[in-house]
Amino acid sequence: MIFFKRYRFKEYIIVNAIVIAFVFIGVFSLLSLYFIPYKNEAMTAIILFTLGVLVFLFFLYLGAAKIQKELLLINQYLKNLENIDTVDTKRAFYISEFEEIHQDLIKVHKGAKKREDIKQRYNAKLKLKNRQRADMISAIVHEFRNPIASIMGYAQTLKDDPDIPKALQEKFLMKIYHNGNKIETLLARLSLWNKFENKEAKVYKSRFDIYQIANEVKQSLEDVYKERKIHLKGKEREVEADRTLIEVVLKNLIENALKYSKDDVVIDIQDRMISVIDRGIGIKEKEIEKVTKKFYRSDAQSWDNSMGLGLAIVKTILALHQTKLIIESKEGKGSIFSFMI
């Protein structure tokens, strides 16, 4: 039955070696007693042969124990390959085949760790995307709620009271128009950012006067912010860029300045540098590096980047033009947003 029982490697080798040893000792003993005429000499030969076999069995046991230890180690690696952090690369093995298996295990482990790292990075990106999507939905709801509520309120008032004076009707209709225009601007911003995200935005460069574009943006925003004043300094200067995208940059920067300051806003065009200057609430020093990140929103008591897209769009457009946004700001004193083109 010993040949049919499942033994461990060491047990299998020793048990079978003992059986074979007993057979050899038995055969040797019979031959010695038969061919050696003197009984004492025959017994001495049998004892010496038996001792030799026992010494052989002892060293065989040591070798089998060492091989089994290495087998158990490799098996342990295989069982926990996904959980262990490192495989001992300096370990030397008694059997060359085990050393080859060990080296293969190291390669497999490195590959598994690399795949795990890729998986973790993918999961981290997925979580970030989901968080950004949730932040974006929250921001959209927040930004759209006020203009929609205003439109509904003014429209309901006009509907309920048909005898409202003409001047007041016109005022309410203008409020509805401006809030509708605000919603359209938000949708346009989302659409533009979606193009950037999908790598669909292209730069169509042409030569145009940056001063003229700044003046057009100034006039359009003064029509919206009727109680605010925007000063344009500098002189006419021709640049080569995407006219539409640069207009978006100027509009976003000037609107931010109007939104977060009560004093006049200044557009300063000097040589290659275009700056938008305000004397508003400013940005906390620790947040200056963060405000251009997409979907970033600071605490409600400080500088707030609307949906978290305005400056991210500016940064992306300027990057497409091989330039960048420079922000100088002091909390409570104002900010300067500049770029070179």
Protein backbone atom coordinates (compact mmCIF):
# COMPACT_ATOMS: atom_id res chain seq x y z
CA MET A 1 0.00 0.00 0.00
CA ILE A 2 2.97 2.36 0.51
CA PHE A 3 3.26 2.85 -3.25
CA PHE A 4 -0.37 4.03 -3.54
CA LYS A 5 -0.48 6.42 -0.59
CA ARG A 6 0.09 10.13 -1.36
CA TYR A 7 3.27 11.09 0.46
CA ARG A 8 5.12 14.37 0.63
CA PHE A 9 8.31 14.47 -1.41
CA LYS A 10 10.66 13.72 1.52
CA GLU A 11 8.49 10.90 2.87
CA TYR A 12 8.08 9.38 -0.57
CA ILE A 13 11.84 9.33 -1.22
CA ILE A 14 12.77 7.98 2.24
CA VAL A 15 10.04 5.31 2.42
CA ASN A 16 10.88 3.96 -1.01
CA ALA A 17 14.63 4.24 -0.35
CA ILE A 18 14.21 2.21 2.89
CA VAL A 19 12.26 -0.48 1.06
CA ILE A 20 14.91 -0.66 -1.67
CA ALA A 21 17.67 -0.62 0.99
CA PHE A 22 16.12 -3.58 2.84
CA VAL A 23 15.87 -5.49 -0.43
CA PHE A 24 19.54 -4.79 -1.24
CA ILE A 25 20.65 -5.68 2.32
CA GLY A 26 18.62 -8.90 2.15
CA VAL A 27 20.05 -9.88 -1.23
CA PHE A 28 23.58 -8.91 -0.16
CA SER A 29 23.23 -10.92 3.05
CA LEU A 30 22.08 -14.06 1.23
CA LEU A 31 24.86 -13.77 -1.34
CA SER A 32 27.47 -13.12 1.38
CA LEU A 33 26.39 -16.18 3.40
CA TYR A 34 26.38 -18.29 0.26
CA PHE A 35 29.70 -17.22 -1.31
CA ILE A 36 31.81 -16.35 1.77
CA PRO A 37 32.90 -19.63 3.48
CA TYR A 38 33.64 -18.10 6.84
CA LYS A 39 30.61 -17.02 8.85
CA ASN A 40 32.41 -14.20 10.79
CA GLU A 41 33.72 -12.64 7.58
CA ALA A 42 30.27 -12.87 6.03
CA MET A 43 28.65 -11.16 9.05
CA THR A 44 31.30 -8.39 8.98
CA ALA A 45 30.63 -7.76 5.28
CA ILE A 46 26.89 -7.66 5.94
CA ILE A 47 27.32 -5.17 8.83
CA LEU A 48 29.63 -2.90 6.81
CA PHE A 49 27.29 -2.99 3.84
CA THR A 50 24.33 -2.19 6.12
CA LEU A 51 26.21 0.74 7.70
CA GLY A 52 27.05 2.05 4.23
CA VAL A 53 23.41 1.83 3.20
CA LEU A 54 22.35 3.62 6.42
CA VAL A 55 24.85 6.45 5.79
CA PHE A 56 23.53 6.72 2.23
CA LEU A 57 19.97 6.86 3.58
CA PHE A 58 20.97 9.61 6.04
CA PHE A 59 22.46 11.85 3.34
CA LEU A 60 19.51 11.02 1.09
CA TYR A 61 17.21 12.18 3.91
CA LEU A 62 19.12 15.49 4.26
CA GLY A 63 18.97 16.11 0.52
CA ALA A 64 15.27 15.21 0.33
CA ALA A 65 14.53 17.49 3.31
CA LYS A 66 16.31 20.39 1.60
CA ILE A 67 14.48 19.79 -1.69
CA GLN A 68 11.15 19.56 0.14
CA LYS A 69 11.87 22.85 1.90
CA GLU A 70 12.48 24.52 -1.46
CA LEU A 71 9.33 22.94 -2.90
CA LEU A 72 7.29 24.26 0.03
CA LEU A 73 8.78 27.74 -0.45
CA ILE A 74 7.93 27.81 -4.16
CA ASN A 75 4.46 26.46 -3.41
CA GLN A 76 4.00 29.20 -0.81
CA TYR A 77 4.95 31.81 -3.40
CA LEU A 78 2.46 30.32 -5.88
CA LYS A 79 -0.39 30.24 -3.33
CA ASN A 80 0.13 33.87 -2.28
CA LEU A 81 1.47 35.39 -5.48
CA GLU A 82 -1.21 38.10 -5.55
CA ASN A 83 -0.75 39.03 -1.88
CA ILE A 84 3.02 39.04 -1.31
CA ASP A 85 4.82 42.34 -1.81
CA THR A 86 8.22 40.98 -2.90
CA VAL A 87 9.89 37.74 -3.98
CA ASP A 88 13.38 37.17 -2.55
CA THR A 89 15.55 37.71 -5.63
CA LYS A 90 18.82 36.81 -3.84
CA ARG A 91 17.78 33.36 -2.63
CA ALA A 92 19.92 30.49 -3.96
CA PHE A 93 18.31 27.11 -4.65
CA TYR A 94 19.82 23.61 -4.29
CA ILE A 95 18.27 22.37 -7.54
CA SER A 96 18.85 24.30 -10.77
CA GLU A 97 15.31 23.60 -11.99
CA PHE A 98 13.95 25.21 -8.81
CA GLU A 99 16.18 28.22 -9.44
CA GLU A 100 14.68 28.52 -12.93
CA ILE A 101 11.16 28.25 -11.48
CA HIS A 102 12.11 30.90 -8.90
CA GLN A 103 13.31 33.29 -11.61
CA ASP A 104 10.10 32.70 -13.56
CA LEU A 105 8.13 33.42 -10.40
CA ILE A 106 9.96 36.73 -10.03
CA LYS A 107 8.98 37.66 -13.60
CA VAL A 108 5.37 36.60 -13.03
CA HIS A 109 5.25 38.53 -9.75
CA LYS A 110 6.59 41.68 -11.39
CA GLY A 111 4.01 41.33 -14.15
CA ALA A 112 1.23 40.80 -11.61
CA LYS A 113 2.33 43.83 -9.58
CA LYS A 114 2.50 45.93 -12.74
CA ARG A 115 -1.02 44.86 -13.70
CA GLU A 116 -2.19 45.58 -10.15
CA ASP A 117 -0.63 49.05 -10.29
CA ILE A 118 -2.33 49.71 -13.63
CA LYS A 119 -5.63 48.48 -12.17
CA GLN A 120 -5.25 50.72 -9.11
CA ARG A 121 -4.41 53.75 -11.26
CA TYR A 122 -7.41 53.01 -13.48
CA ASN A 123 -9.68 52.68 -10.43
CA ALA A 124 -8.28 55.93 -9.03
CA LYS A 125 -8.95 57.71 -12.33
CA LEU A 126 -12.43 56.20 -12.44
CA LYS A 127 -13.17 57.43 -8.91
CA LEU A 128 -11.81 60.87 -9.81
CA LYS A 129 -13.98 60.97 -12.94
CA ASN A 130 -17.05 59.96 -10.96
CA ARG A 131 -16.29 62.59 -8.31
CA GLN A 132 -15.74 65.22 -10.99
CA ARG A 133 -18.98 64.22 -12.69
CA ALA A 134 -20.84 64.56 -9.39
CA ASP A 135 -19.16 67.94 -8.73
CA MET A 136 -20.03 69.08 -12.23
CA ILE A 137 -23.69 68.10 -11.88
CA SER A 138 -23.82 69.88 -8.52
CA ALA A 139 -22.19 72.96 -10.04
CA ILE A 140 -24.54 72.96 -13.03
CA VAL A 141 -27.58 72.74 -10.73
CA HIS A 142 -26.16 75.55 -8.59
CA GLU A 143 -25.39 77.83 -11.55
CA PHE A 144 -28.65 77.22 -13.41
CA ARG A 145 -30.97 77.47 -10.40
CA ASN A 146 -30.77 81.26 -9.92
CA PRO A 147 -31.33 82.39 -13.54
CA ILE A 148 -34.11 79.83 -14.03
CA ALA A 149 -35.77 80.92 -10.78
CA SER A 150 -35.52 84.56 -11.88
CA ILE A 151 -37.01 83.83 -15.31
CA MET A 152 -39.89 81.90 -13.74
CA GLY A 153 -40.48 84.61 -11.14
CA TYR A 154 -40.58 87.52 -13.59
CA ALA A 155 -42.65 85.51 -16.11
CA GLN A 156 -45.14 84.52 -13.38
CA THR A 157 -45.46 88.16 -12.29
CA LEU A 158 -46.15 89.28 -15.87
CA LYS A 159 -48.70 86.50 -16.29
CA ASP A 160 -50.53 87.17 -13.02
CA ASP A 161 -50.70 90.95 -13.37
CA PRO A 162 -51.51 92.12 -16.92
CA ASP A 163 -51.90 95.72 -15.71
CA ILE A 164 -48.22 96.16 -14.80
CA PRO A 165 -46.94 99.52 -16.13
CA LYS A 166 -45.21 99.39 -19.49
CA ALA A 167 -41.85 100.52 -18.09
CA LEU A 168 -41.92 97.80 -15.43
CA GLN A 169 -42.90 95.20 -18.02
CA GLU A 170 -39.92 96.16 -20.13
CA LYS A 171 -37.68 95.96 -17.08
CA PHE A 172 -38.93 92.47 -16.25
CA LEU A 173 -38.57 91.33 -19.85
CA MET A 174 -35.00 92.63 -19.88
CA LYS A 175 -34.31 90.65 -16.68
CA ILE A 176 -35.71 87.53 -18.35
CA TYR A 177 -33.55 88.21 -21.41
CA HIS A 178 -30.35 88.64 -19.36
CA ASN A 179 -30.98 85.48 -17.34
CA GLY A 180 -31.70 83.54 -20.52
CA ASN A 181 -28.46 84.91 -21.94
CA LYS A 182 -26.63 83.75 -18.81
CA ILE A 183 -27.98 80.22 -19.27
CA GLU A 184 -26.89 80.26 -22.91
CA THR A 185 -23.38 81.34 -21.83
CA LEU A 186 -23.19 78.48 -19.30
CA LEU A 187 -24.29 75.98 -21.95
CA ALA A 188 -21.70 77.33 -24.40
CA ARG A 189 -19.01 76.95 -21.72
CA LEU A 190 -20.02 73.34 -21.08
CA SER A 191 -20.07 72.61 -24.80
CA LEU A 192 -16.62 74.10 -25.28
CA TRP A 193 -15.18 72.14 -22.37
CA ASN A 194 -16.71 68.95 -23.75
CA LYS A 195 -14.81 69.57 -27.01
CA PHE A 196 -11.58 69.98 -25.06
CA GLU A 197 -12.22 66.76 -23.12
CA ASN A 198 -12.90 64.81 -26.33
CA LYS A 199 -9.86 66.32 -28.10
CA GLU A 200 -12.18 67.83 -30.72
CA ALA A 201 -11.15 71.47 -30.32
CA LYS A 202 -8.95 72.84 -33.07
CA VAL A 203 -7.02 76.09 -33.33
CA TYR A 204 -7.69 78.18 -36.44
CA LYS A 205 -5.12 80.96 -36.39
CA SER A 206 -5.50 84.29 -38.13
CA ARG A 207 -4.09 87.77 -37.73
CA PHE A 208 -6.26 90.28 -35.85
CA ASP A 209 -6.06 93.28 -33.54
CA ILE A 210 -6.13 92.12 -29.90
CA TYR A 211 -7.02 95.65 -28.76
CA GLN A 212 -10.11 95.66 -30.99
CA ILE A 213 -11.25 92.24 -29.66
CA ALA A 214 -10.75 93.43 -26.08
CA ASN A 215 -12.81 96.53 -26.82
CA GLU A 216 -15.65 94.45 -28.32
CA VAL A 217 -15.70 92.18 -25.25
CA LYS A 218 -15.60 95.26 -23.00
CA GLN A 219 -18.65 96.80 -24.69
CA SER A 220 -20.67 93.57 -24.65
CA LEU A 221 -20.01 93.03 -20.93
CA GLU A 222 -20.79 96.65 -20.09
CA ASP A 223 -24.19 96.09 -21.70
CA VAL A 224 -24.76 93.24 -19.24
CA TYR A 225 -23.11 94.82 -16.18
CA LYS A 226 -24.60 98.30 -16.71
CA GLU A 227 -23.52 99.64 -13.32
CA ARG A 228 -19.89 98.60 -13.77
CA LYS A 229 -17.06 100.29 -15.63
CA ILE A 230 -14.33 98.54 -17.62
CA HIS A 231 -11.25 100.54 -18.61
CA LEU A 232 -9.19 99.55 -21.63
CA LYS A 233 -5.54 100.68 -21.61
CA GLY A 234 -2.85 100.23 -24.21
CA LYS A 235 -2.81 100.49 -27.95
CA GLU A 236 -3.69 98.52 -31.06
CA ARG A 237 -1.54 95.46 -31.66
CA GLU A 238 -1.86 92.69 -34.21
CA VAL A 239 -1.44 89.08 -33.07
CA GLU A 240 -1.67 85.67 -34.73
CA ALA A 241 -4.02 83.33 -32.85
CA ASP A 242 -7.49 81.79 -32.87
CA ARG A 243 -9.72 84.86 -32.70
CA THR A 244 -12.76 83.03 -31.28
CA LEU A 245 -10.81 81.23 -28.54
CA ILE A 246 -8.89 84.37 -27.49
CA GLU A 247 -12.23 86.19 -27.26
CA VAL A 248 -13.40 83.41 -24.88
CA VAL A 249 -10.26 83.92 -22.79
CA LEU A 250 -10.80 87.66 -22.48
CA LYS A 251 -14.50 87.29 -21.73
CA ASN A 252 -13.92 84.70 -19.00
CA LEU A 253 -11.15 86.73 -17.34
CA ILE A 254 -13.10 90.01 -17.45
CA GLU A 255 -16.30 88.35 -16.18
CA ASN A 256 -14.37 86.85 -13.27
CA ALA A 257 -12.98 90.29 -12.45
CA LEU A 258 -16.48 91.85 -12.58
CA LYS A 259 -17.97 89.08 -10.51
CA TYR A 260 -15.45 89.21 -7.69
CA SER A 261 -14.85 92.94 -7.37
CA LYS A 262 -16.94 96.06 -6.89
CA ASP A 263 -14.44 98.59 -8.27
CA ASP A 264 -13.67 99.26 -11.90
CA VAL A 265 -11.89 96.57 -13.93
CA VAL A 266 -8.87 97.35 -16.09
CA ILE A 267 -7.76 95.62 -19.29
CA ASP A 268 -4.12 96.49 -19.91
CA ILE A 269 -2.49 95.65 -23.25
CA GLN A 270 1.26 96.28 -23.16
CA ASP A 271 3.57 94.82 -25.83
CA ARG A 272 2.97 91.04 -25.73
CA MET A 273 1.35 91.00 -22.26
CA ILE A 274 -2.42 91.24 -21.79
CA SER A 275 -3.61 91.73 -18.20
CA VAL A 276 -7.04 91.91 -16.54
CA ILE A 277 -6.82 93.77 -13.22
CA ASP A 278 -9.38 94.02 -10.45
CA ARG A 279 -9.42 95.32 -6.88
CA GLY A 280 -11.74 92.64 -5.57
CA ILE A 281 -11.71 89.98 -2.87
CA GLY A 282 -8.59 88.29 -4.24
CA ILE A 283 -7.59 84.64 -3.94
CA LYS A 284 -6.02 82.88 -0.98
CA GLU A 285 -2.35 82.14 -1.61
CA LYS A 286 -2.85 78.40 -1.06
CA GLU A 287 -5.59 78.34 -3.74
CA ILE A 288 -3.83 80.25 -6.55
CA GLU A 289 -2.36 77.02 -7.97
CA LYS A 290 -5.73 75.26 -7.71
CA VAL A 291 -8.19 77.70 -9.28
CA THR A 292 -7.29 76.71 -12.86
CA LYS A 293 -8.04 73.04 -12.23
CA LYS A 294 -11.25 71.78 -13.78
CA PHE A 295 -14.24 71.53 -11.45
CA TYR A 296 -12.27 73.13 -8.62
CA ARG A 297 -14.43 75.13 -6.23
CA SER A 298 -13.05 76.93 -3.18
CA ASP A 299 -14.97 77.47 0.05
CA ALA A 300 -18.11 79.56 -0.22
CA GLN A 301 -16.66 82.45 1.79
CA SER A 302 -13.74 83.01 -0.57
CA TRP A 303 -12.99 83.06 -4.29
CA ASP A 304 -15.34 80.72 -6.16
CA ASN A 305 -14.62 79.55 -9.71
CA SER A 306 -18.27 79.24 -10.80
CA MET A 307 -18.73 75.76 -12.27
CA GLY A 308 -15.00 75.21 -11.96
CA LEU A 309 -14.61 75.52 -15.74
CA GLY A 310 -13.98 79.20 -16.50
CA LEU A 311 -10.29 79.36 -15.68
CA ALA A 312 -9.75 75.72 -16.68
CA ILE A 313 -10.99 76.68 -20.16
CA VAL A 314 -8.71 79.74 -20.17
CA LYS A 315 -5.73 77.59 -19.17
CA THR A 316 -6.50 75.01 -21.88
CA ILE A 317 -6.94 77.62 -24.64
CA LEU A 318 -3.69 79.34 -23.72
CA ALA A 319 -1.90 75.98 -23.67
CA LEU A 320 -3.15 75.40 -27.23
CA HIS A 321 -1.42 78.70 -28.08
CA GLN A 322 1.83 77.64 -26.34
CA THR A 323 1.42 80.14 -23.54
CA LYS A 324 0.04 80.11 -19.99
CA LEU A 325 -2.03 82.05 -17.50
CA ILE A 326 -0.14 84.06 -14.87
CA ILE A 327 -2.03 84.83 -11.65
CA GLU A 328 -0.98 87.44 -9.10
CA SER A 329 -3.38 87.92 -6.21
CA LYS A 330 -3.59 89.09 -2.62
CA GLU A 331 -6.59 88.24 -0.52
CA GLY A 332 -8.69 91.36 0.10
CA LYS A 333 -6.71 93.48 -2.38
CA GLY A 334 -7.44 92.06 -5.81
CA SER A 335 -6.00 89.99 -8.61
CA ILE A 336 -4.14 90.30 -11.90
CA PHE A 337 -4.69 87.65 -14.56
CA SER A 338 -2.14 87.91 -17.38
CA PHE A 339 -1.00 86.03 -20.45
CA MET A 340 1.46 86.61 -23.26
CA ILE A 341 0.63 86.18 -26.93
